[in-house]
């Protein structure tokens, strides 16, 4: 029986592949299929990886950002463990039917969030001794090479553990730091493509989908929505959806934010202030955003704010600053590559990352 493999290339906009030498991905596209599909909004890692492994929208699986503000306590709650999941993962589904699932992540936080039900769950960031003995210590989490180590580790897991299902998800340090036109980005894509070939050769027969969780764009303007609201006399908290504990590559600046207001009666006033800002593409009530983007209504703010393609939201020393970073989170990072090979993937031909694992789930 073929091993089912899904690979998520974090932050891999389609341009990264188009500009690089990728013979193995090209072969997948020829012999199976390839398309440009859609990610879930907001276009961030936790939301979209959870969407992939549950084959559900956030309204079902519950992960709407990297963290949310708890209404009862007022605390910021990081969603970094499976206790926050409200839907079954494909790993749990395979396990329920007597199969064996494995998940390998670059960042340890993602393993803790999505790994429920996996018989083997490892991260490059906190790698197990047996993989270190085989491959040497993994490179730092803020490096391009950590993803190369991860692919080699995945091949070893295939050979030694013989899982029925394998999920591999990288980190997007390289795409935050380098555009698709950069030599380093193209070298990385070529190297990942070669390692993908080695991964597929580690099992006698495979069915595979390669996709991404979101794209990436250069950003030149940053807005501090907290400062802007407070200057207008509105007490509230803007939660950039990208905010997490890994800050070097994006400085916690992303293209969407949830706004929580101290006074629920101030929604119209806050809407008027934010709607008129240069760099803000759209503002909507939390319940409206939940309906439009299939978000869990209990884990969004009073308002949902989306930036234009050049703008990010974050915590700044002024209301607005010029920046030079690459980031994501807005609707402008929704385009993702999808490549598939094998009867299962070809039968589905997914057009979004929500659909890429639908052929794996059994009732």
Protein backbone atom coordinates (compact mmCIF):
# COMPACT_ATOMS: atom_id res chain seq x y z
CA UNK A 1 0.00 0.00 0.00
CA UNK A 2 1.28 3.48 -0.87
CA UNK A 3 2.47 5.79 1.89
CA UNK A 4 0.45 8.99 2.01
CA UNK A 5 2.66 12.10 2.24
CA UNK A 6 1.70 15.74 2.58
CA UNK A 7 4.41 18.40 2.54
CA UNK A 8 3.72 22.00 3.56
CA UNK A 9 6.36 24.52 2.42
CA UNK A 10 5.87 27.37 4.87
CA UNK A 11 5.51 30.76 3.20
CA UNK A 12 6.10 29.37 -0.28
CA UNK A 13 4.35 31.70 -2.71
CA UNK A 14 4.08 30.14 -6.20
CA UNK A 15 6.78 32.52 -7.49
CA UNK A 16 9.45 30.75 -5.43
CA UNK A 17 8.91 27.56 -7.41
CA UNK A 18 8.39 29.32 -10.74
CA UNK A 19 11.76 31.08 -10.48
CA UNK A 20 13.73 28.01 -9.35
CA UNK A 21 15.04 24.78 -10.82
CA UNK A 22 12.68 22.13 -9.44
CA UNK A 23 12.81 18.96 -11.58
CA UNK A 24 11.03 16.77 -9.02
CA UNK A 25 8.13 19.17 -8.56
CA UNK A 26 7.97 19.58 -12.33
CA UNK A 27 7.66 15.79 -12.66
CA UNK A 28 4.87 15.71 -10.06
CA UNK A 29 3.02 18.34 -12.05
CA UNK A 30 3.42 16.44 -15.31
CA UNK A 31 2.59 12.99 -13.99
CA UNK A 32 -0.06 14.12 -11.51
CA UNK A 33 -1.31 17.70 -11.38
CA UNK A 34 -0.33 21.20 -10.32
CA UNK A 35 -2.34 24.33 -9.69
CA UNK A 36 -2.31 27.64 -7.85
CA UNK A 37 -4.75 27.29 -4.99
CA UNK A 38 -5.95 29.30 -2.01
CA UNK A 39 -5.01 29.50 1.65
CA UNK A 40 -7.38 30.36 4.46
CA UNK A 41 -7.62 33.97 5.70
CA UNK A 42 -5.85 35.09 7.85
CA UNK A 43 -2.84 33.77 5.98
CA UNK A 44 -0.71 32.62 8.91
CA UNK A 45 1.03 29.38 9.81
CA UNK A 46 -1.04 28.06 12.72
CA UNK A 47 -4.37 28.74 11.02
CA UNK A 48 -3.43 27.12 7.72
CA UNK A 49 -1.45 24.15 9.03
CA UNK A 50 -4.42 23.29 11.23
CA UNK A 51 -6.70 23.73 8.22
CA UNK A 52 -4.54 21.29 6.25
CA UNK A 53 -4.37 18.57 8.91
CA UNK A 54 -8.10 18.75 9.80
CA UNK A 55 -9.41 19.44 6.26
CA UNK A 56 -11.69 22.03 7.85
CA UNK A 57 -12.11 25.78 8.08
CA UNK A 58 -11.21 27.62 11.32
CA UNK A 59 -14.92 27.83 12.16
CA UNK A 60 -14.68 24.08 12.77
CA UNK A 61 -11.11 23.53 14.03
CA UNK A 62 -11.01 26.69 16.16
CA UNK A 63 -7.57 28.10 15.32
CA UNK A 64 -8.06 31.69 14.13
CA UNK A 65 -4.59 33.15 14.82
CA UNK A 66 -1.43 32.36 16.76
CA UNK A 67 -3.20 33.59 19.88
CA UNK A 68 -6.40 35.27 21.02
CA UNK A 69 -7.56 37.50 23.86
CA UNK A 70 -9.70 35.64 26.37
CA UNK A 71 -12.83 37.71 27.06
CA UNK A 72 -13.28 36.45 30.63
CA UNK A 73 -9.74 37.02 31.90
CA UNK A 74 -8.41 39.60 29.45
CA UNK A 75 -5.31 37.44 29.00
CA UNK A 76 -3.55 36.81 25.71
CA UNK A 77 -3.77 33.06 25.14
CA UNK A 78 -1.25 31.43 22.82
CA UNK A 79 -2.82 28.58 20.86
CA UNK A 80 0.19 26.28 20.84
CA UNK A 81 -1.16 22.93 21.95
CA UNK A 82 -3.76 20.45 20.75
CA UNK A 83 -6.09 21.38 23.62
CA UNK A 84 -7.24 24.28 21.45
CA UNK A 85 -8.20 22.04 18.52
CA UNK A 86 -11.92 21.49 18.06
CA UNK A 87 -11.71 19.06 15.13
CA UNK A 88 -10.10 15.68 14.48
CA UNK A 89 -6.69 15.66 12.81
CA UNK A 90 -5.87 13.34 9.94
CA UNK A 91 -3.35 11.68 12.28
CA UNK A 92 -6.10 10.83 14.78
CA UNK A 93 -8.33 9.64 11.95
CA UNK A 94 -5.65 7.30 10.58
CA UNK A 95 -4.93 6.02 14.10
CA UNK A 96 -8.64 5.32 14.73
CA UNK A 97 -8.65 3.10 11.66
CA UNK A 98 -5.61 1.12 12.74
CA UNK A 99 -2.97 3.03 10.80
CA UNK A 100 0.23 4.77 11.86
CA UNK A 101 0.77 8.48 11.34
CA UNK A 102 3.89 10.63 11.64
CA UNK A 103 4.37 14.40 11.73
CA UNK A 104 7.65 16.29 11.46
CA UNK A 105 7.77 20.04 11.99
CA UNK A 106 10.57 22.58 11.91
CA UNK A 107 9.23 24.53 14.92
CA UNK A 108 8.36 22.68 18.08
CA UNK A 109 5.28 24.83 18.78
CA UNK A 110 3.59 23.51 15.64
CA UNK A 111 4.21 19.90 16.60
CA UNK A 112 2.44 20.54 19.90
CA UNK A 113 -0.51 22.20 18.16
CA UNK A 114 -1.24 19.81 15.28
CA UNK A 115 0.34 16.49 16.28
CA UNK A 116 -2.67 14.96 18.04
CA UNK A 117 -3.02 11.29 17.12
CA UNK A 118 0.41 10.89 15.53
CA UNK A 119 2.38 7.82 16.61
CA UNK A 120 5.58 9.68 15.70
CA UNK A 121 5.77 13.44 16.28
CA UNK A 122 9.14 15.19 16.12
CA UNK A 123 10.48 18.68 15.49
CA UNK A 124 13.83 19.84 14.16
CA UNK A 125 13.94 22.54 16.82
CA UNK A 126 13.88 19.94 19.62
CA UNK A 127 15.12 16.93 17.74
CA UNK A 128 15.30 13.43 19.29
CA UNK A 129 18.65 11.86 20.05
CA UNK A 130 18.26 9.08 17.49
CA UNK A 131 17.88 11.55 14.63
CA UNK A 132 20.79 13.65 15.90
CA UNK A 133 22.93 10.50 16.02
CA UNK A 134 22.03 9.78 12.38
CA UNK A 135 22.08 13.25 10.88
CA UNK A 136 24.06 15.40 13.28
CA UNK A 137 22.58 18.36 15.21
CA UNK A 138 19.98 20.39 13.31
CA UNK A 139 20.86 23.94 12.27
CA UNK A 140 19.33 26.85 14.24
CA UNK A 141 15.60 27.52 13.86
CA UNK A 142 16.47 30.90 12.32
CA UNK A 143 18.30 29.39 9.37
CA UNK A 144 17.59 28.20 5.85
CA UNK A 145 19.27 24.86 6.43
CA UNK A 146 16.96 23.69 9.22
CA UNK A 147 14.39 22.75 6.57
CA UNK A 148 16.96 20.67 4.71
CA UNK A 149 17.70 18.77 7.93
CA UNK A 150 13.96 18.31 8.43
CA UNK A 151 13.53 16.67 5.01
CA UNK A 152 16.41 14.30 5.68
CA UNK A 153 14.84 13.45 9.05
CA UNK A 154 11.52 12.77 7.33
CA UNK A 155 13.19 10.29 4.99
CA UNK A 156 14.69 8.48 8.00
CA UNK A 157 11.28 8.32 9.68
CA UNK A 158 9.83 6.79 6.52
CA UNK A 159 12.55 4.13 6.43
CA UNK A 160 12.58 3.26 10.14
CA UNK A 161 8.99 3.81 11.27
CA UNK A 162 7.07 2.85 8.09
CA UNK A 163 4.11 5.16 8.73
CA UNK A 164 0.96 4.99 6.65
CA UNK A 165 0.78 8.79 6.67
CA UNK A 166 3.58 11.37 6.90
CA UNK A 167 3.16 15.14 7.26
CA UNK A 168 6.19 17.42 6.91
CA UNK A 169 5.93 21.16 7.50
CA UNK A 170 8.83 23.59 7.26
CA UNK A 171 9.53 27.07 8.64
CA UNK A 172 9.36 30.24 6.56
CA UNK A 173 12.57 31.95 7.68
CA UNK A 174 13.95 31.87 4.13
CA UNK A 175 10.91 33.49 2.50
CA UNK A 176 10.74 36.17 5.18
CA UNK A 177 14.36 37.00 4.49
CA UNK A 178 14.62 36.52 0.72
CA UNK A 179 12.35 37.25 -2.22
CA UNK A 180 11.79 34.70 -4.99
CA UNK A 181 14.25 36.59 -7.21
CA UNK A 182 17.12 36.17 -4.71
CA UNK A 183 19.85 33.60 -5.35
CA UNK A 184 19.55 32.23 -1.80
CA UNK A 185 15.84 31.60 -2.21
CA UNK A 186 16.38 29.84 -5.52
CA UNK A 187 19.23 27.75 -4.12
CA UNK A 188 16.99 26.76 -1.21
CA UNK A 189 14.10 25.80 -3.48
CA UNK A 190 16.37 23.70 -5.65
CA UNK A 191 17.79 21.96 -2.56
CA UNK A 192 14.33 21.26 -1.14
CA UNK A 193 13.27 19.84 -4.50
CA UNK A 194 16.23 17.44 -4.48
CA UNK A 195 15.43 16.41 -0.90
CA UNK A 196 11.79 15.91 -1.91
CA UNK A 197 12.99 13.40 -4.48
CA UNK A 198 15.00 11.58 -1.80
CA UNK A 199 11.97 11.58 0.49
CA UNK A 200 9.78 10.01 -2.17
CA UNK A 201 12.44 7.38 -2.86
CA UNK A 202 12.52 6.41 0.83
CA UNK A 203 9.30 4.39 0.42
CA UNK A 204 8.45 1.79 -2.23
CA UNK A 205 5.25 3.58 -3.28
CA UNK A 206 3.87 7.01 -2.39
CA UNK A 207 0.90 9.25 -2.91
CA UNK A 208 1.87 12.84 -2.28
CA UNK A 209 0.65 16.42 -2.13
CA UNK A 210 3.02 19.37 -1.84
CA UNK A 211 1.48 22.71 -0.90
CA UNK A 212 2.01 25.78 1.30
CA UNK A 213 0.28 27.44 4.23
CA UNK A 214 0.49 31.00 2.85
CA UNK A 215 2.44 33.24 0.51
CA UNK A 216 4.75 36.16 1.27
CA UNK A 217 5.10 39.80 0.19
CA UNK A 218 7.44 42.74 0.81
CA UNK A 219 6.06 45.36 3.23
CA UNK A 220 7.03 49.03 3.44
CA UNK A 221 4.53 50.53 5.92
CA UNK A 222 3.64 49.52 9.49
CA UNK A 223 0.73 50.77 11.60
CA UNK A 224 0.28 50.52 15.36
CA UNK A 225 -3.49 50.18 15.67
CA UNK A 226 -3.34 50.40 19.48
CA UNK A 227 -1.70 53.82 19.33
CA UNK A 228 -4.10 55.01 16.66
CA UNK A 229 -7.16 53.95 18.64
CA UNK A 230 -5.84 55.36 21.92
CA UNK A 231 -5.08 58.69 20.22
CA UNK A 232 -8.75 58.79 19.23
CA UNK A 233 -9.80 58.15 22.84
CA UNK A 234 -10.82 54.53 22.21
CA UNK A 235 -9.59 51.92 24.67
CA UNK A 236 -8.82 48.67 22.93
CA UNK A 237 -6.22 46.07 22.07
CA UNK A 238 -5.12 45.18 18.57
CA UNK A 239 -3.87 41.61 18.25
CA UNK A 240 -1.66 41.10 15.18
CA UNK A 241 -2.57 37.60 14.01
CA UNK A 242 1.07 36.78 13.26
CA UNK A 243 2.31 37.46 16.79
CA UNK A 244 4.16 34.52 18.34
CA UNK A 245 7.37 33.67 20.18
CA UNK A 246 9.48 33.53 16.99
CA UNK A 247 10.03 37.20 16.20
CA UNK A 248 13.37 37.58 14.40
CA UNK A 249 12.10 37.17 10.85
CA UNK A 250 8.82 39.13 11.01
CA UNK A 251 9.07 41.26 14.20
CA UNK A 252 5.46 40.25 15.01
CA UNK A 253 4.17 42.35 12.11
CA UNK A 254 1.46 40.90 9.91
CA UNK A 255 -1.22 41.92 7.44
CA UNK A 256 -4.28 41.36 9.64
CA UNK A 257 -5.35 42.07 13.22
CA UNK A 258 -8.20 41.42 15.59
CA UNK A 259 -9.27 44.44 17.65
CA UNK A 260 -10.78 43.89 21.09
CA UNK A 261 -12.58 46.90 22.57
CA UNK A 262 -12.99 47.68 26.25
CA UNK A 263 -16.36 49.26 25.50
CA UNK A 264 -18.46 47.15 23.16
CA UNK A 265 -20.45 50.27 22.35
CA UNK A 266 -17.39 51.81 20.69
CA UNK A 267 -17.45 49.49 17.68
CA UNK A 268 -18.88 52.08 15.28
CA UNK A 269 -16.43 54.74 16.44
CA UNK A 270 -13.44 52.39 16.18
CA UNK A 271 -14.62 51.25 12.75
CA UNK A 272 -14.70 54.86 11.53
CA UNK A 273 -11.18 55.56 12.82
CA UNK A 274 -9.62 52.44 11.30
CA UNK A 275 -11.58 52.44 8.05
CA UNK A 276 -10.11 55.76 7.03
CA UNK A 277 -6.46 54.82 7.53
CA UNK A 278 -4.05 54.69 4.63
CA UNK A 279 -2.80 51.11 4.50
CA UNK A 280 -6.02 49.58 5.83
CA UNK A 281 -7.86 47.72 3.07
CA UNK A 282 -10.94 46.63 5.00
CA UNK A 283 -12.49 46.66 8.46
CA UNK A 284 -15.39 44.48 9.50
CA UNK A 285 -17.17 43.36 12.64
CA UNK A 286 -15.88 40.15 14.14
CA UNK A 287 -19.12 38.26 13.46
CA UNK A 288 -19.05 39.42 9.84
CA UNK A 289 -15.42 38.29 9.44
CA UNK A 290 -16.35 34.93 10.96
CA UNK A 291 -19.08 34.51 8.36
CA UNK A 292 -17.05 35.67 5.35
CA UNK A 293 -13.80 33.85 6.15
CA UNK A 294 -15.25 30.82 8.01
CA UNK A 295 -13.63 31.77 11.34
CA UNK A 296 -14.60 30.54 14.79
CA UNK A 297 -16.80 33.33 16.19
CA UNK A 298 -15.58 32.79 19.75
CA UNK A 299 -11.94 33.41 18.84
CA UNK A 300 -12.08 36.67 16.91
CA UNK A 301 -12.18 40.25 18.16
CA UNK A 302 -14.86 42.91 17.99
CA UNK A 303 -13.30 44.02 14.70
CA UNK A 304 -11.18 42.31 12.05
CA UNK A 305 -8.77 44.56 10.14
CA UNK A 306 -7.00 43.64 6.89
CA UNK A 307 -4.03 45.54 5.48
CA UNK A 308 -3.23 46.36 1.88
CA UNK A 309 -0.42 44.53 0.13
CA UNK A 310 2.34 46.87 1.38
CA UNK A 311 1.22 47.29 5.01
CA UNK A 312 1.57 45.36 8.26
CA UNK A 313 0.23 45.88 11.78
CA UNK A 314 2.36 45.61 14.92
CA UNK A 315 3.63 47.27 18.09
CA UNK A 316 5.70 50.33 17.18
CA UNK A 317 7.31 53.39 18.77
CA UNK A 318 4.99 55.61 16.72
CA UNK A 319 1.57 55.31 15.10
CA UNK A 320 3.15 54.70 11.69
CA UNK A 321 6.64 53.74 10.56
CA UNK A 322 8.43 52.86 7.37
CA UNK A 323 9.64 49.26 7.37
CA UNK A 324 11.47 46.91 5.08
CA UNK A 325 10.35 43.39 5.83
CA UNK A 326 8.65 40.46 4.14
CA UNK A 327 5.51 39.18 5.83
CA UNK A 328 1.99 37.77 5.41
CA UNK A 329 -1.45 37.57 7.01
CA UNK A 330 -3.55 39.57 4.54
CA UNK A 331 -5.65 38.42 1.60
CA UNK A 332 -2.69 39.22 -0.67
CA UNK A 333 -0.80 36.13 0.54
CA UNK A 334 -3.59 33.65 -0.18
CA UNK A 335 -2.16 32.16 -3.41
CA UNK A 336 -0.29 28.91 -2.82
CA UNK A 337 1.13 26.13 -5.01
CA UNK A 338 -0.49 22.69 -4.96
CA UNK A 339 1.19 19.66 -6.58
CA UNK A 340 -0.22 16.15 -6.34
CA UNK A 341 0.58 12.64 -7.48
CA UNK A 342 -1.20 9.33 -6.97
CA UNK A 343 -4.79 8.09 -7.23
CA UNK A 344 -6.01 9.76 -4.03
CA UNK A 345 -4.71 13.28 -4.69
CA UNK A 346 -5.61 13.15 -8.39
CA UNK A 347 -9.17 12.09 -7.58
CA UNK A 348 -9.61 15.22 -5.44
CA UNK A 349 -7.48 17.74 -7.36
CA UNK A 350 -7.66 20.21 -4.46
CA UNK A 351 -7.99 23.91 -5.20
CA UNK A 352 -7.27 25.03 -1.63
CA UNK A 353 -5.07 23.81 1.18
CA UNK A 354 -8.25 22.98 3.10
CA UNK A 355 -8.86 20.20 0.58
CA UNK A 356 -5.39 18.69 0.25
CA UNK A 357 -5.94 16.04 2.95
CA UNK A 358 -9.59 15.30 2.20
CA UNK A 359 -8.66 12.05 0.42
CA UNK A 360 -7.04 10.74 3.63
CA UNK A 361 -10.00 11.02 6.02
CA UNK A 362 -12.29 8.04 6.48
CA UNK A 363 -15.71 8.18 8.23
